[in-house]
Protein backbone atom coordinates (compact mmCIF):
# COMPACT_ATOMS: atom_id res chain seq x y z
CA MET A 1 17.63 220.97 -36.60
CA ARG A 2 19.97 217.99 -37.08
CA ILE A 3 21.60 216.31 -34.32
CA LEU A 4 24.27 213.23 -34.89
CA PHE A 5 25.39 211.07 -31.78
CA THR A 6 27.64 208.75 -31.57
CA GLY A 7 29.38 206.03 -29.05
CA GLY A 8 30.19 203.22 -28.21
CA GLY A 9 27.54 199.43 -28.05
CA THR A 10 26.76 199.48 -24.68
CA GLY A 11 24.58 201.08 -22.00
CA GLY A 12 27.14 203.04 -20.61
CA HIS A 13 27.17 205.12 -24.07
CA ILE A 14 23.35 204.46 -24.73
CA TYR A 15 21.94 205.70 -21.75
CA PRO A 16 23.56 209.07 -21.75
CA ILE A 17 23.06 209.81 -25.08
CA ILE A 18 18.76 209.24 -24.40
CA ALA A 19 19.42 211.75 -21.40
CA VAL A 20 20.57 214.29 -23.74
CA ALA A 21 17.92 213.29 -26.77
CA GLU A 22 15.07 213.84 -24.19
CA GLU A 23 16.36 217.55 -23.33
CA LEU A 24 16.26 218.29 -26.74
CA GLN A 25 13.31 217.36 -27.75
CA LYS A 26 11.82 219.31 -24.86
CA LEU A 27 13.76 222.06 -25.94
CA SER A 28 12.48 221.32 -29.39
CA VAL A 29 8.96 221.65 -28.31
CA GLU A 30 9.42 224.61 -25.91
CA LYS A 31 11.37 226.64 -29.00
CA LYS A 32 8.88 224.67 -31.46
CA ILE A 33 12.56 223.76 -33.46
CA GLU A 34 12.14 220.85 -35.94
CA MET A 35 14.62 218.09 -35.04
CA ASP A 36 16.01 214.90 -36.29
CA LEU A 37 18.51 212.95 -34.16
CA ARG A 38 20.42 210.28 -35.07
CA TYR A 39 22.87 207.64 -33.89
CA PHE A 40 25.63 206.38 -36.14
CA GLY A 41 27.44 203.43 -34.67
CA SER A 42 26.96 199.63 -33.33
CA PRO A 43 24.32 199.98 -31.15
CA GLU A 44 23.66 196.16 -30.82
CA MET A 45 20.87 195.01 -28.80
CA PHE A 46 19.97 198.77 -27.71
CA ARG A 47 18.88 199.65 -31.58
CA SER A 48 14.94 199.80 -30.36
CA VAL A 49 15.80 201.32 -27.06
CA LEU A 50 16.93 204.29 -29.04
CA GLU A 51 13.97 204.36 -31.84
CA GLN A 52 11.72 203.80 -29.01
CA ASN A 53 13.04 207.84 -27.88
CA GLY A 54 12.97 208.95 -31.35
CA ILE A 55 16.56 208.58 -32.60
CA GLY A 56 16.91 207.35 -35.95
CA VAL A 57 19.67 204.24 -35.93
CA SER A 58 22.29 203.83 -38.63
CA LYS A 59 24.89 201.01 -38.27
CA ILE A 60 28.45 201.88 -39.03
CA PHE A 61 30.76 199.23 -38.13
CA SER A 62 33.02 198.89 -35.33
CA ALA A 63 36.62 198.32 -35.02
CA LYS A 64 38.24 198.22 -31.69
CA LEU A 65 41.56 199.41 -31.77
CA ARG A 66 43.04 196.66 -28.56
CA ARG A 67 46.45 197.27 -27.41
CA TYR A 68 47.54 193.68 -26.67
CA PHE A 69 47.66 191.21 -28.69
CA ASP A 70 44.40 189.84 -29.76
CA LEU A 71 43.80 187.63 -32.97
CA ARG A 72 40.61 189.87 -34.01
CA ASN A 73 42.95 192.92 -34.29
CA PHE A 74 44.20 191.40 -37.65
CA LEU A 75 40.78 191.66 -38.79
CA ASP A 76 39.55 195.13 -36.86
CA ILE A 77 42.33 197.26 -37.79
CA PRO A 78 42.94 196.08 -41.74
CA ILE A 79 39.56 195.85 -42.71
CA LEU A 80 37.05 196.81 -40.09
CA LEU A 81 38.84 200.14 -39.73
CA PRO A 82 38.81 201.11 -42.91
CA LEU A 83 34.88 200.11 -44.32
CA SER A 84 33.88 202.14 -40.89
CA VAL A 85 35.46 205.28 -42.11
CA ILE A 86 34.39 204.83 -45.41
CA GLN A 87 30.66 204.35 -44.12
CA ALA A 88 31.04 207.04 -41.97
CA PHE A 89 32.30 209.64 -44.45
CA TRP A 90 29.62 208.61 -46.60
CA LYS A 91 26.60 208.48 -43.79
CA VAL A 92 27.38 211.82 -42.22
CA PHE A 93 27.37 213.48 -46.16
CA TRP A 94 24.16 212.36 -46.76
CA PHE A 95 22.97 213.44 -43.21
CA MET A 96 25.34 216.81 -42.55
CA PRO A 97 24.19 217.21 -39.30
CA ASP A 98 24.70 220.23 -37.32
CA VAL A 99 26.43 219.35 -34.36
CA LEU A 100 27.99 216.22 -33.31
CA PHE A 101 27.78 214.60 -29.38
CA SER A 102 30.15 211.76 -29.55
CA LYS A 103 30.27 209.59 -26.12
CA GLY A 104 33.15 207.80 -26.95
CA GLY A 105 33.77 204.20 -27.31
CA PRO A 106 35.30 202.03 -30.42
CA GLY A 107 32.82 203.51 -32.97
CA SER A 108 32.60 206.73 -32.34
CA LEU A 109 35.77 207.98 -34.13
CA PRO A 110 35.50 207.29 -37.50
CA VAL A 111 32.28 209.47 -37.43
CA VAL A 112 34.01 212.04 -35.23
CA LEU A 113 36.54 212.00 -38.29
CA ALA A 114 33.98 212.16 -40.78
CA CYS A 115 32.49 215.28 -38.82
CA ARG A 116 35.92 217.05 -38.34
CA PHE A 117 36.81 216.60 -42.33
CA TYR A 118 32.72 218.10 -43.12
CA CYS A 119 33.66 221.20 -40.22
CA VAL A 120 30.68 219.73 -38.14
CA PRO A 121 31.06 220.86 -34.14
CA ILE A 122 32.13 218.10 -32.10
CA ILE A 123 30.44 217.53 -28.56
CA ILE A 124 32.35 214.87 -26.16
CA HIS A 125 30.91 213.81 -23.00
CA ASP A 126 33.42 211.14 -21.26
CA SER A 127 31.68 210.24 -17.79
CA ASP A 128 34.77 208.16 -16.88
CA THR A 129 37.49 209.13 -14.16
CA ILE A 130 39.81 208.23 -16.93
CA ILE A 131 39.43 208.98 -20.47
CA GLY A 132 39.06 206.44 -23.17
CA LEU A 133 41.33 205.85 -26.41
CA ALA A 134 38.86 207.38 -28.73
CA ASN A 135 37.89 210.92 -26.64
CA ARG A 136 41.34 211.00 -26.20
CA LEU A 137 42.25 211.42 -29.57
CA ALA A 138 38.97 213.14 -30.63
CA ILE A 139 39.19 216.07 -27.73
CA TYR A 140 41.85 218.19 -30.07
CA TRP A 141 39.18 218.27 -33.04
CA ALA A 142 35.99 219.17 -29.99
CA LYS A 143 34.68 222.43 -29.93
CA ARG A 144 33.45 221.73 -26.19
CA ILE A 145 34.21 218.90 -23.68
CA ALA A 146 32.10 217.78 -20.75
CA VAL A 147 33.20 215.67 -17.97
CA SER A 148 31.83 214.22 -14.81
CA PHE A 149 34.47 214.19 -12.39
CA ASP A 150 36.20 217.24 -11.26
CA SER A 151 39.77 214.75 -11.45
CA THR A 152 39.29 214.51 -15.04
CA ALA A 153 38.84 217.82 -16.18
CA LYS A 154 42.10 218.68 -13.90
CA THR A 155 43.78 216.59 -15.85
CA LEU A 156 42.88 217.54 -19.14
CA LEU A 157 43.45 221.30 -17.95
CA GLU A 158 47.23 220.13 -17.17
CA ASN A 159 47.87 218.21 -19.97
CA GLU A 160 46.16 221.28 -22.25
CA LYS A 161 43.89 220.02 -23.74
CA LEU A 162 41.15 221.96 -22.30
CA SER A 163 41.15 225.85 -22.28
């Protein structure tokens, strides 16, 4: 079974991914299922932590969609965003996962788009009280959405984003 992880490059994204990966690795031993775990994104300083936990890492450029004026928008939106989408489509095609687990964050959206295009089931996890922009855009394509707070689930239900 091939499981793909994606998310931002901070500890708030990486450590929950590692926790999920550890549980999946336990299940794979119990059920005798061969499992290939990969992370596509921009892990920055967490690359070695992911690899130490049995998760292969493949870098994809990250383009942050800032909703305020910043000179970096002139690089991120016209150059890095299209490049990251092309990278994601290419890498997802060659890995072709059975499922995507997305933690959100700037680097996750291109991977979610590629998985949606290739009909890969998408699971989104958001552990914040207010859902971030990447997850708000991606929840419409998700097969499952996991949240950590009742208030977050209630907001999603009120907006008919969960059923």
